[in-house]
Amino acid sequence: MLAAVAWLGWGAMPDMSDAELDCARPAEARALLGRLMLAEIEGAEDIQREALWSAWGSCPAGAAGDSCRDALRQQFEARWDREKARIQGRYRERLDEFVAHCRGQLG
């Protein structure tokens, strides 16, 4: 199984049994990849949120800082949208690689 994980480009993933990316159990493999993607998205979102809150500290207090906070929020939202799309794309790629790998085993 470690070879299957290595061809996915991740190296050893934590908390994975040998059966979790098994071509004979594609639904379980898809579910695992979905959980891993969600965990990565949630972690990255937490980091982005903390960075935004820190950046807001440079804005003036009260109503005087509203435009500053709005501009930073828009900037961070755009950055987050790109980051989330990148993560989702990477997991779509991994799933496509897994499906192709399994098709190769059947063919």
PDB file of N, CA and C in Angstrom:
ATOM      1  N   MET A   1       0.816  -1.198   0.000  1.00  0.00           N
ATOM      2  CA  MET A   1       0.000   0.000   0.000  1.00  0.00           C
ATOM      3  C   MET A   1       0.853   1.253   0.000  1.00  0.00           C
ATOM      4  N   LEU A   2       1.985   1.210   0.668  1.00  0.00           N
ATOM      5  CA  LEU A   2       2.846   2.387   0.711  1.00  0.00           C
ATOM      6  C   LEU A   2       3.240   2.806  -0.699  1.00  0.00           C
ATOM      7  N   ALA A   3       3.395   1.843  -1.584  1.00  0.00           N
ATOM      8  CA  ALA A   3       3.710   2.188  -2.973  1.00  0.00           C
ATOM      9  C   ALA A   3       2.566   2.968  -3.607  1.00  0.00           C
ATOM     10  N   ALA A   4       1.326   2.572  -3.297  1.00  0.00           N
ATOM     11  CA  ALA A   4       0.178   3.303  -3.842  1.00  0.00           C
ATOM     12  C   ALA A   4       0.151   4.720  -3.311  1.00  0.00           C
ATOM     13  N   VAL A   5       0.486   4.888  -2.058  1.00  0.00           N
ATOM     14  CA  VAL A   5       0.522   6.225  -1.473  1.00  0.00           C
ATOM     15  C   VAL A   5       1.651   7.029  -2.099  1.00  0.00           C
ATOM     16  N   ALA A   6       2.779   6.412  -2.336  1.00  0.00           N
ATOM     17  CA  ALA A   6       3.922   7.116  -2.924  1.00  0.00           C
ATOM     18  C   ALA A   6       3.600   7.590  -4.337  1.00  0.00           C
ATOM     19  N   TRP A   7       2.912   6.758  -5.132  1.00  0.00           N
ATOM     20  CA  TRP A   7       2.606   7.213  -6.496  1.00  0.00           C
ATOM     21  C   TRP A   7       1.627   8.359  -6.481  1.00  0.00           C
ATOM     22  N   LEU A   8       0.872   8.535  -5.401  1.00  0.00           N
ATOM     23  CA  LEU A   8      -0.018   9.683  -5.310  1.00  0.00           C
ATOM     24  C   LEU A   8       0.766  10.958  -5.024  1.00  0.00           C
ATOM     25  N   GLY A   9       2.027  10.831  -4.655  1.00  0.00           N
ATOM     26  CA  GLY A   9       2.858  12.000  -4.455  1.00  0.00           C
ATOM     27  C   GLY A   9       2.822  12.560  -3.050  1.00  0.00           C
ATOM     28  N   TRP A  10       2.291  11.824  -2.094  1.00  0.00           N
ATOM     29  CA  TRP A  10       2.176  12.331  -0.734  1.00  0.00           C
ATOM     30  C   TRP A  10       3.254  11.815   0.194  1.00  0.00           C
ATOM     31  N   GLY A  11       3.862  10.692  -0.134  1.00  0.00           N
ATOM     32  CA  GLY A  11       4.693  10.035   0.861  1.00  0.00           C
ATOM     33  C   GLY A  11       3.751   9.327   1.820  1.00  0.00           C
ATOM     34  N   ALA A  12       4.220   9.014   2.999  1.00  0.00           N
ATOM     35  CA  ALA A  12       3.384   8.298   3.959  1.00  0.00           C
ATOM     36  C   ALA A  12       2.372   9.246   4.588  1.00  0.00           C
ATOM     37  N   MET A  13       1.101   8.892   4.524  1.00  0.00           N
ATOM     38  CA  MET A  13       0.048   9.699   5.140  1.00  0.00           C
ATOM     39  C   MET A  13      -0.223   9.155   6.535  1.00  0.00           C
ATOM     40  N   PRO A  14      -0.443  10.009   7.489  1.00  0.00           N
ATOM     41  CA  PRO A  14      -0.726   9.539   8.840  1.00  0.00           C
ATOM     42  C   PRO A  14      -2.092   8.870   8.933  1.00  0.00           C
ATOM     43  N   ASP A  15      -2.201   7.931   9.852  1.00  0.00           N
ATOM     44  CA  ASP A  15      -3.474   7.288  10.184  1.00  0.00           C
ATOM     45  C   ASP A  15      -4.142   6.593   9.003  1.00  0.00           C
ATOM     46  N   MET A  16      -3.373   6.010   8.141  1.00  0.00           N
ATOM     47  CA  MET A  16      -3.951   5.292   7.004  1.00  0.00           C
ATOM     48  C   MET A  16      -3.632   3.812   7.134  1.00  0.00           C
ATOM     49  N   SER A  17      -4.643   2.987   7.002  1.00  0.00           N
ATOM     50  CA  SER A  17      -4.405   1.548   6.953  1.00  0.00           C
ATOM     51  C   SER A  17      -4.123   1.175   5.495  1.00  0.00           C
ATOM     52  N   ASP A  18      -3.608  -0.008   5.293  1.00  0.00           N
ATOM     53  CA  ASP A  18      -3.275  -0.451   3.943  1.00  0.00           C
ATOM     54  C   ASP A  18      -4.494  -0.541   3.034  1.00  0.00           C
ATOM     55  N   ALA A  19      -5.676  -0.706   3.585  1.00  0.00           N
ATOM     56  CA  ALA A  19      -6.867  -0.909   2.771  1.00  0.00           C
ATOM     57  C   ALA A  19      -7.543   0.392   2.359  1.00  0.00           C
ATOM     58  N   GLU A  20      -7.135   1.527   2.877  1.00  0.00           N
ATOM     59  CA  GLU A  20      -7.900   2.750   2.664  1.00  0.00           C
ATOM     60  C   GLU A  20      -7.828   3.313   1.243  1.00  0.00           C
ATOM     61  N   LEU A  21      -6.780   3.057   0.510  1.00  0.00           N
ATOM     62  CA  LEU A  21      -6.724   3.452  -0.900  1.00  0.00           C
ATOM     63  C   LEU A  21      -6.637   2.200  -1.773  1.00  0.00           C
ATOM     64  N   ASP A  22      -7.548   1.319  -1.522  1.00  0.00           N
ATOM     65  CA  ASP A  22      -7.607   0.033  -2.190  1.00  0.00           C
ATOM     66  C   ASP A  22      -8.510   0.145  -3.414  1.00  0.00           C
ATOM     67  N   CYS A  23      -8.001  -0.274  -4.557  1.00  0.00           N
ATOM     68  CA  CYS A  23      -8.785  -0.225  -5.788  1.00  0.00           C
ATOM     69  C   CYS A  23     -10.039  -1.085  -5.705  1.00  0.00           C
ATOM     70  N   ALA A  24     -10.047  -2.071  -4.834  1.00  0.00           N
ATOM     71  CA  ALA A  24     -11.229  -2.913  -4.672  1.00  0.00           C
ATOM     72  C   ALA A  24     -12.303  -2.211  -3.841  1.00  0.00           C
ATOM     73  N   ARG A  25     -11.946  -1.095  -3.216  1.00  0.00           N
ATOM     74  CA  ARG A  25     -12.893  -0.348  -2.382  1.00  0.00           C
ATOM     75  C   ARG A  25     -12.837   1.140  -2.751  1.00  0.00           C
ATOM     76  N   PRO A  26     -13.247   1.469  -3.961  1.00  0.00           N
ATOM     77  CA  PRO A  26     -13.113   2.855  -4.424  1.00  0.00           C
ATOM     78  C   PRO A  26     -13.944   3.863  -3.631  1.00  0.00           C
ATOM     79  N   ALA A  27     -15.096   3.471  -3.127  1.00  0.00           N
ATOM     80  CA  ALA A  27     -15.924   4.408  -2.361  1.00  0.00           C
ATOM     81  C   ALA A  27     -15.201   4.841  -1.093  1.00  0.00           C
ATOM     82  N   GLU A  28     -14.541   3.886  -0.439  1.00  0.00           N
ATOM     83  CA  GLU A  28     -13.799   4.218   0.768  1.00  0.00           C
ATOM     84  C   GLU A  28     -12.604   5.122   0.461  1.00  0.00           C
ATOM     85  N   ALA A  29     -11.949   4.862  -0.672  1.00  0.00           N
ATOM     86  CA  ALA A  29     -10.813   5.700  -1.072  1.00  0.00           C
ATOM     87  C   ALA A  29     -11.279   7.125  -1.366  1.00  0.00           C
ATOM     88  N   ARG A  30     -12.403   7.248  -2.069  1.00  0.00           N
ATOM     89  CA  ARG A  30     -12.957   8.584  -2.351  1.00  0.00           C
ATOM     90  C   ARG A  30     -13.314   9.310  -1.057  1.00  0.00           C
ATOM     91  N   ALA A  31     -13.917   8.586  -0.129  1.00  0.00           N
ATOM     92  CA  ALA A  31     -14.297   9.190   1.154  1.00  0.00           C
ATOM     93  C   ALA A  31     -13.059   9.653   1.920  1.00  0.00           C
ATOM     94  N   LEU A  32     -12.004   8.850   1.913  1.00  0.00           N
ATOM     95  CA  LEU A  32     -10.770   9.230   2.590  1.00  0.00           C
ATOM     96  C   LEU A  32     -10.184  10.488   1.961  1.00  0.00           C
ATOM     97  N   LEU A  33     -10.101  10.516   0.647  1.00  0.00           N
ATOM     98  CA  LEU A  33      -9.564  11.702  -0.024  1.00  0.00           C
ATOM     99  C   LEU A  33     -10.427  12.922   0.280  1.00  0.00           C
ATOM    100  N   GLY A  34     -11.734  12.733   0.354  1.00  0.00           N
ATOM    101  CA  GLY A  34     -12.632  13.842   0.703  1.00  0.00           C
ATOM    102  C   GLY A  34     -12.370  14.353   2.110  1.00  0.00           C
ATOM    103  N   ARG A  35     -12.163  13.436   3.052  1.00  0.00           N
ATOM    104  CA  ARG A  35     -11.877  13.851   4.431  1.00  0.00           C
ATOM    105  C   ARG A  35     -10.541  14.571   4.518  1.00  0.00           C
ATOM    106  N   LEU A  36      -9.545  14.074   3.815  1.00  0.00           N
ATOM    107  CA  LEU A  36      -8.233  14.724   3.819  1.00  0.00           C
ATOM    108  C   LEU A  36      -8.323  16.126   3.218  1.00  0.00           C
ATOM    109  N   MET A  37      -9.080  16.251   2.123  1.00  0.00           N
ATOM    110  CA  MET A  37      -9.247  17.558   1.495  1.00  0.00           C
ATOM    111  C   MET A  37      -9.943  18.526   2.448  1.00  0.00           C
ATOM    112  N   LEU A  38     -11.010  18.073   3.075  1.00  0.00           N
ATOM    113  CA  LEU A  38     -11.744  18.928   4.005  1.00  0.00           C
ATOM    114  C   LEU A  38     -10.854  19.369   5.160  1.00  0.00           C
ATOM    115  N   ALA A  39     -10.062  18.449   5.689  1.00  0.00           N
ATOM    116  CA  ALA A  39      -9.163  18.804   6.794  1.00  0.00           C
ATOM    117  C   ALA A  39      -8.145  19.850   6.347  1.00  0.00           C
ATOM    118  N   GLU A  40      -7.609  19.692   5.146  1.00  0.00           N
ATOM    119  CA  GLU A  40      -6.646  20.673   4.651  1.00  0.00           C
ATOM    120  C   GLU A  40      -7.302  22.030   4.428  1.00  0.00           C
ATOM    121  N   ILE A  41      -8.506  22.019   3.866  1.00  0.00           N
ATOM    122  CA  ILE A  41      -9.230  23.275   3.635  1.00  0.00           C
ATOM    123  C   ILE A  41      -9.510  23.969   4.964  1.00  0.00           C
ATOM    124  N   GLU A  42      -9.976  23.219   5.947  1.00  0.00           N
ATOM    125  CA  GLU A  42     -10.283  23.822   7.244  1.00  0.00           C
ATOM    126  C   GLU A  42      -9.042  24.406   7.904  1.00  0.00           C
ATOM    127  N   GLY A  43      -7.922  23.687   7.819  1.00  0.00           N
ATOM    128  CA  GLY A  43      -6.679  24.202   8.388  1.00  0.00           C
ATOM    129  C   GLY A  43      -6.211  25.465   7.687  1.00  0.00           C
ATOM    130  N   ALA A  44      -6.260  25.457   6.366  1.00  0.00           N
ATOM    131  CA  ALA A  44      -5.842  26.635   5.596  1.00  0.00           C
ATOM    132  C   ALA A  44      -6.772  27.820   5.863  1.00  0.00           C
ATOM    133  N   GLU A  45      -8.054  27.542   6.023  1.00  0.00           N
ATOM    134  CA  GLU A  45      -9.013  28.609   6.308  1.00  0.00           C
ATOM    135  C   GLU A  45      -8.726  29.236   7.676  1.00  0.00           C
ATOM    136  N   ASP A  46      -8.398  28.414   8.655  1.00  0.00           N
ATOM    137  CA  ASP A  46      -8.047  28.933   9.979  1.00  0.00           C
ATOM    138  C   ASP A  46      -6.822  29.852   9.902  1.00  0.00           C
ATOM    139  N   ILE A  47      -5.840  29.455   9.126  1.00  0.00           N
ATOM    140  CA  ILE A  47      -4.626  30.263   8.960  1.00  0.00           C
ATOM    141  C   ILE A  47      -4.970  31.588   8.289  1.00  0.00           C
ATOM    142  N   GLN A  48      -5.782  31.536   7.235  1.00  0.00           N
ATOM    143  CA  GLN A  48      -6.192  32.760   6.538  1.00  0.00           C
ATOM    144  C   GLN A  48      -6.963  33.694   7.469  1.00  0.00           C
ATOM    145  N   ARG A  49      -7.861  33.125   8.248  1.00  0.00           N
ATOM    146  CA  ARG A  49      -8.667  33.942   9.163  1.00  0.00           C
ATOM    147  C   ARG A  49      -7.784  34.634  10.197  1.00  0.00           C
ATOM    148  N   GLU A  50      -6.831  33.901  10.748  1.00  0.00           N
ATOM    149  CA  GLU A  50      -5.910  34.490  11.731  1.00  0.00           C
ATOM    150  C   GLU A  50      -5.075  35.600  11.083  1.00  0.00           C
ATOM    151  N   ALA A  51      -4.635  35.386   9.864  1.00  0.00           N
ATOM    152  CA  ALA A  51      -3.852  36.417   9.167  1.00  0.00           C
ATOM    153  C   ALA A  51      -4.703  37.669   8.932  1.00  0.00           C
ATOM    154  N   LEU A  52      -5.968  37.479   8.590  1.00  0.00           N
ATOM    155  CA  LEU A  52      -6.859  38.618   8.389  1.00  0.00           C
ATOM    156  C   LEU A  52      -7.036  39.390   9.686  1.00  0.00           C
ATOM    157  N   TRP A  53      -7.302  38.681  10.758  1.00  0.00           N
ATOM    158  CA  TRP A  53      -7.480  39.357  12.044  1.00  0.00           C
ATOM    159  C   TRP A  53      -6.228  40.135  12.436  1.00  0.00           C
ATOM    160  N   SER A  54      -5.065  39.547  12.177  1.00  0.00           N
ATOM    161  CA  SER A  54      -3.816  40.249  12.480  1.00  0.00           C
ATOM    162  C   SER A  54      -3.668  41.494  11.615  1.00  0.00           C
ATOM    163  N   ALA A  55      -4.029  41.381  10.348  1.00  0.00           N
ATOM    164  CA  ALA A  55      -3.920  42.524   9.434  1.00  0.00           C
ATOM    165  C   ALA A  55      -4.873  43.645   9.840  1.00  0.00           C
ATOM    166  N   TRP A  56      -6.041  43.278  10.337  1.00  0.00           N
ATOM    167  CA  TRP A  56      -6.989  44.298  10.784  1.00  0.00           C
ATOM    168  C   TRP A  56      -6.402  45.161  11.894  1.00  0.00           C
ATOM    169  N   GLY A  57      -5.440  44.644  12.623  1.00  0.00           N
ATOM    170  CA  GLY A  57      -4.807  45.416  13.688  1.00  0.00           C
ATOM    171  C   GLY A  57      -4.096  46.653  13.188  1.00  0.00           C
ATOM    172  N   SER A  58      -3.761  46.684  11.906  1.00  0.00           N
ATOM    173  CA  SER A  58      -3.090  47.861  11.343  1.00  0.00           C
ATOM    174  C   SER A  58      -4.084  48.941  10.914  1.00  0.00           C
ATOM    175  N   CYS A  59      -5.384  48.627  10.957  1.00  0.00           N
ATOM    176  CA  CYS A  59      -6.420  49.598  10.573  1.00  0.00           C
ATOM    177  C   CYS A  59      -6.769  50.496  11.771  1.00  0.00           C
ATOM    178  N   PRO A  60      -7.177  51.720  11.486  1.00  0.00           N
ATOM    179  CA  PRO A  60      -7.632  52.600  12.581  1.00  0.00           C
ATOM    180  C   PRO A  60      -8.828  51.988  13.306  1.00  0.00           C
ATOM    181  N   ALA A  61      -8.945  52.301  14.570  1.00  0.00           N
ATOM    182  CA  ALA A  61     -10.052  51.783  15.377  1.00  0.00           C
ATOM    183  C   ALA A  61     -11.371  52.446  14.975  1.00  0.00           C
ATOM    184  N   GLY A  62     -12.459  51.764  15.250  1.00  0.00           N
ATOM    185  CA  GLY A  62     -13.785  52.322  15.051  1.00  0.00           C
ATOM    186  C   GLY A  62     -14.164  52.506  13.599  1.00  0.00           C
ATOM    187  N   ALA A  63     -15.113  53.433  13.394  1.00  0.00           N
ATOM    188  CA  ALA A  63     -15.646  53.683  12.055  1.00  0.00           C
ATOM    189  C   ALA A  63     -14.575  54.178  11.094  1.00  0.00           C
ATOM    190  N   ALA A  64     -13.560  54.856  11.614  1.00  0.00           N
ATOM    191  CA  ALA A  64     -12.479  55.364  10.760  1.00  0.00           C
ATOM    192  C   ALA A  64     -11.736  54.234  10.046  1.00  0.00           C
ATOM    193  N   GLY A  65     -11.763  53.037  10.602  1.00  0.00           N
ATOM    194  CA  GLY A  65     -11.055  51.913  10.002  1.00  0.00           C
ATOM    195  C   GLY A  65     -11.923  51.003   9.162  1.00  0.00           C
ATOM    196  N   ASP A  66     -13.198  51.341   9.015  1.00  0.00           N
ATOM    197  CA  ASP A  66     -14.117  50.473   8.260  1.00  0.00           C
ATOM    198  C   ASP A  66     -13.637  50.219   6.833  1.00  0.00           C
ATOM    199  N   SER A  67     -13.232  51.270   6.137  1.00  0.00           N
ATOM    200  CA  SER A  67     -12.808  51.073   4.735  1.00  0.00           C
ATOM    201  C   SER A  67     -11.532  50.235   4.675  1.00  0.00           C
ATOM    202  N   CYS A  68     -10.651  50.420   5.627  1.00  0.00           N
ATOM    203  CA  CYS A  68      -9.418  49.624   5.696  1.00  0.00           C
ATOM    204  C   CYS A  68      -9.760  48.148   5.913  1.00  0.00           C
ATOM    205  N   ARG A  69     -10.641  47.880   6.867  1.00  0.00           N
ATOM    206  CA  ARG A  69     -11.028  46.495   7.153  1.00  0.00           C
ATOM    207  C   ARG A  69     -11.764  45.869   5.968  1.00  0.00           C
ATOM    208  N   ASP A  70     -12.626  46.651   5.306  1.00  0.00           N
ATOM    209  CA  ASP A  70     -13.332  46.126   4.127  1.00  0.00           C
ATOM    210  C   ASP A  70     -12.365  45.776   3.006  1.00  0.00           C
ATOM    211  N   ALA A  71     -11.391  46.646   2.774  1.00  0.00           N
ATOM    212  CA  ALA A  71     -10.409  46.385   1.719  1.00  0.00           C
ATOM    213  C   ALA A  71      -9.589  45.136   2.037  1.00  0.00           C
ATOM    214  N   LEU A  72      -9.169  45.011   3.290  1.00  0.00           N
ATOM    215  CA  LEU A  72      -8.396  43.824   3.690  1.00  0.00           C
ATOM    216  C   LEU A  72      -9.248  42.563   3.577  1.00  0.00           C
ATOM    217  N   ARG A  73     -10.515  42.648   3.996  1.00  0.00           N
ATOM    218  CA  ARG A  73     -11.398  41.494   3.905  1.00  0.00           C
ATOM    219  C   ARG A  73     -11.547  41.033   2.457  1.00  0.00           C
ATOM    220  N   GLN A  74     -11.742  41.986   1.540  1.00  0.00           N
ATOM    221  CA  GLN A  74     -11.875  41.633   0.122  1.00  0.00           C
ATOM    222  C   GLN A  74     -10.589  41.013  -0.409  1.00  0.00           C
ATOM    223  N   GLN A  75      -9.466  41.568  -0.018  1.00  0.00           N
ATOM    224  CA  GLN A  75      -8.169  41.040  -0.447  1.00  0.00           C
ATOM    225  C   GLN A  75      -7.978  39.609   0.074  1.00  0.00           C
ATOM    226  N   PHE A  76      -8.272  39.403   1.353  1.00  0.00           N
ATOM    227  CA  PHE A  76      -8.094  38.084   1.936  1.00  0.00           C
ATOM    228  C   PHE A  76      -9.109  37.085   1.385  1.00  0.00           C
ATOM    229  N   GLU A  77     -10.338  37.514   1.122  1.00  0.00           N
ATOM    230  CA  GLU A  77     -11.331  36.612   0.532  1.00  0.00           C
ATOM    231  C   GLU A  77     -10.892  36.149  -0.854  1.00  0.00           C
ATOM    232  N   ALA A  78     -10.363  37.074  -1.648  1.00  0.00           N
ATOM    233  CA  ALA A  78      -9.882  36.703  -2.986  1.00  0.00           C
ATOM    234  C   ALA A  78      -8.723  35.715  -2.883  1.00  0.00           C
ATOM    235  N   ARG A  79      -7.816  35.966  -1.948  1.00  0.00           N
ATOM    236  CA  ARG A  79      -6.678  35.065  -1.745  1.00  0.00           C
ATOM    237  C   ARG A  79      -7.177  33.701  -1.276  1.00  0.00           C
ATOM    238  N   TRP A  80      -8.147  33.696  -0.370  1.00  0.00           N
ATOM    239  CA  TRP A  80      -8.683  32.431   0.134  1.00  0.00           C
ATOM    240  C   TRP A  80      -9.383  31.650  -0.966  1.00  0.00           C
ATOM    241  N   ASP A  81     -10.151  32.334  -1.809  1.00  0.00           N
ATOM    242  CA  ASP A  81     -10.829  31.650  -2.914  1.00  0.00           C
ATOM    243  C   ASP A  81      -9.822  30.951  -3.819  1.00  0.00           C
ATOM    244  N   ARG A  82      -8.707  31.621  -4.104  1.00  0.00           N
ATOM    245  CA  ARG A  82      -7.668  30.999  -4.938  1.00  0.00           C
ATOM    246  C   ARG A  82      -7.029  29.807  -4.235  1.00  0.00           C
ATOM    247  N   GLU A  83      -6.743  29.947  -2.947  1.00  0.00           N
ATOM    248  CA  GLU A  83      -6.113  28.868  -2.187  1.00  0.00           C
ATOM    249  C   GLU A  83      -7.037  27.656  -2.085  1.00  0.00           C
ATOM    250  N   LYS A  84      -8.303  27.901  -1.808  1.00  0.00           N
ATOM    251  CA  LYS A  84      -9.260  26.801  -1.701  1.00  0.00           C
ATOM    252  C   LYS A  84      -9.401  26.080  -3.040  1.00  0.00           C
ATOM    253  N   ALA A  85      -9.473  26.822  -4.125  1.00  0.00           N
ATOM    254  CA  ALA A  85      -9.561  26.215  -5.454  1.00  0.00           C
ATOM    255  C   ALA A  85      -8.311  25.393  -5.763  1.00  0.00           C
ATOM    256  N   ARG A  86      -7.153  25.874  -5.332  1.00  0.00           N
ATOM    257  CA  ARG A  86      -5.902  25.125  -5.538  1.00  0.00           C
ATOM    258  C   ARG A  86      -5.934  23.801  -4.784  1.00  0.00           C
ATOM    259  N   ILE A  87      -6.381  23.830  -3.532  1.00  0.00           N
ATOM    260  CA  ILE A  87      -6.472  22.609  -2.729  1.00  0.00           C
ATOM    261  C   ILE A  87      -7.459  21.641  -3.367  1.00  0.00           C
ATOM    262  N   GLN A  88      -8.629  22.136  -3.736  1.00  0.00           N
ATOM    263  CA  GLN A  88      -9.645  21.274  -4.358  1.00  0.00           C
ATOM    264  C   GLN A  88      -9.125  20.681  -5.659  1.00  0.00           C
ATOM    265  N   GLY A  89      -8.426  21.473  -6.443  1.00  0.00           N
ATOM    266  CA  GLY A  89      -7.867  20.981  -7.699  1.00  0.00           C
ATOM    267  C   GLY A  89      -6.847  19.879  -7.478  1.00  0.00           C
ATOM    268  N   ARG A  90      -6.020  20.050  -6.458  1.00  0.00           N
ATOM    269  CA  ARG A  90      -5.002  19.039  -6.154  1.00  0.00           C
ATOM    270  C   ARG A  90      -5.659  17.718  -5.762  1.00  0.00           C
ATOM    271  N   TYR A  91      -6.737  17.772  -4.975  1.00  0.00           N
ATOM    272  CA  TYR A  91      -7.410  16.534  -4.590  1.00  0.00           C
ATOM    273  C   TYR A  91      -8.185  15.924  -5.757  1.00  0.00           C
ATOM    274  N   ARG A  92      -8.740  16.753  -6.638  1.00  0.00           N
ATOM    275  CA  ARG A  92      -9.372  16.210  -7.853  1.00  0.00           C
ATOM    276  C   ARG A  92      -8.326  15.465  -8.680  1.00  0.00           C
ATOM    277  N   GLU A  93      -7.134  16.057  -8.778  1.00  0.00           N
ATOM    278  CA  GLU A  93      -6.038  15.415  -9.495  1.00  0.00           C
ATOM    279  C   GLU A  93      -5.681  14.079  -8.866  1.00  0.00           C
ATOM    280  N   ARG A  94      -5.556  14.059  -7.534  1.00  0.00           N
ATOM    281  CA  ARG A  94      -5.202  12.822  -6.833  1.00  0.00           C
ATOM    282  C   ARG A  94      -6.265  11.751  -7.056  1.00  0.00           C
ATOM    283  N   LEU A  95      -7.528  12.152  -7.016  1.00  0.00           N
ATOM    284  CA  LEU A  95      -8.593  11.184  -7.258  1.00  0.00           C
ATOM    285  C   LEU A  95      -8.522  10.664  -8.686  1.00  0.00           C
ATOM    286  N   ASP A  96      -8.279  11.535  -9.643  1.00  0.00           N
ATOM    287  CA  ASP A  96      -8.138  11.106 -11.035  1.00  0.00           C
ATOM    288  C   ASP A  96      -6.966  10.135 -11.183  1.00  0.00           C
ATOM    289  N   GLU A  97      -5.867  10.405 -10.498  1.00  0.00           N
ATOM    290  CA  GLU A  97      -4.705   9.509 -10.540  1.00  0.00           C
ATOM    291  C   GLU A  97      -5.057   8.151  -9.939  1.00  0.00           C
ATOM    292  N   PHE A  98      -5.784   8.172  -8.841  1.00  0.00           N
ATOM    293  CA  PHE A  98      -6.197   6.928  -8.204  1.00  0.00           C
ATOM    294  C   PHE A  98      -7.075   6.109  -9.148  1.00  0.00           C
ATOM    295  N   VAL A  99      -8.064   6.760  -9.771  1.00  0.00           N
ATOM    296  CA  VAL A  99      -8.960   6.066 -10.696  1.00  0.00           C
ATOM    297  C   VAL A  99      -8.160   5.495 -11.872  1.00  0.00           C
ATOM    298  N   ALA A 100      -7.247   6.277 -12.433  1.00  0.00           N
ATOM    299  CA  ALA A 100      -6.431   5.782 -13.544  1.00  0.00           C
ATOM    300  C   ALA A 100      -5.561   4.614 -13.106  1.00  0.00           C
ATOM    301  N   HIS A 101      -4.995   4.706 -11.920  1.00  0.00           N
ATOM    302  CA  HIS A 101      -4.174   3.620 -11.383  1.00  0.00           C
ATOM    303  C   HIS A 101      -4.988   2.341 -11.269  1.00  0.00           C
ATOM    304  N   CYS A 102      -6.202   2.472 -10.743  1.00  0.00           N
ATOM    305  CA  CYS A 102      -7.053   1.292 -10.570  1.00  0.00           C
ATOM    306  C   CYS A 102      -7.484   0.720 -11.917  1.00  0.00           C
ATOM    307  N   ARG A 103      -7.789   1.581 -12.856  1.00  0.00           N
ATOM    308  CA  ARG A 103      -8.144   1.096 -14.198  1.00  0.00           C
ATOM    309  C   ARG A 103      -6.987   0.326 -14.814  1.00  0.00           C
ATOM    310  N   GLY A 104      -5.765   0.813 -14.565  1.00  0.00           N
ATOM    311  CA  GLY A 104      -4.572   0.127 -15.066  1.00  0.00           C
ATOM    312  C   GLY A 104      -4.413  -1.264 -14.468  1.00  0.00           C
ATOM    313  N   GLN A 105      -4.805  -1.416 -13.222  1.00  0.00           N
ATOM    314  CA  GLN A 105      -4.721  -2.734 -12.570  1.00  0.00           C
ATOM    315  C   GLN A 105      -5.753  -3.698 -13.137  1.00  0.00           C
ATOM    316  N   LEU A 106      -6.891  -3.147 -13.564  1.00  0.00           N
ATOM    317  CA  LEU A 106      -7.942  -4.001 -14.107  1.00  0.00           C
ATOM    318  C   LEU A 106      -7.699  -4.377 -15.569  1.00  0.00           C
ATOM    319  N   GLY A 107      -6.971  -3.512 -16.271  1.00  0.00           N
ATOM    320  CA  GLY A 107      -6.786  -3.699 -17.702  1.00  0.00           C
ATOM    321  C   GLY A 107      -5.731  -4.618 -18.074  1.00  0.00           C
TER     322      GLY A 107
END
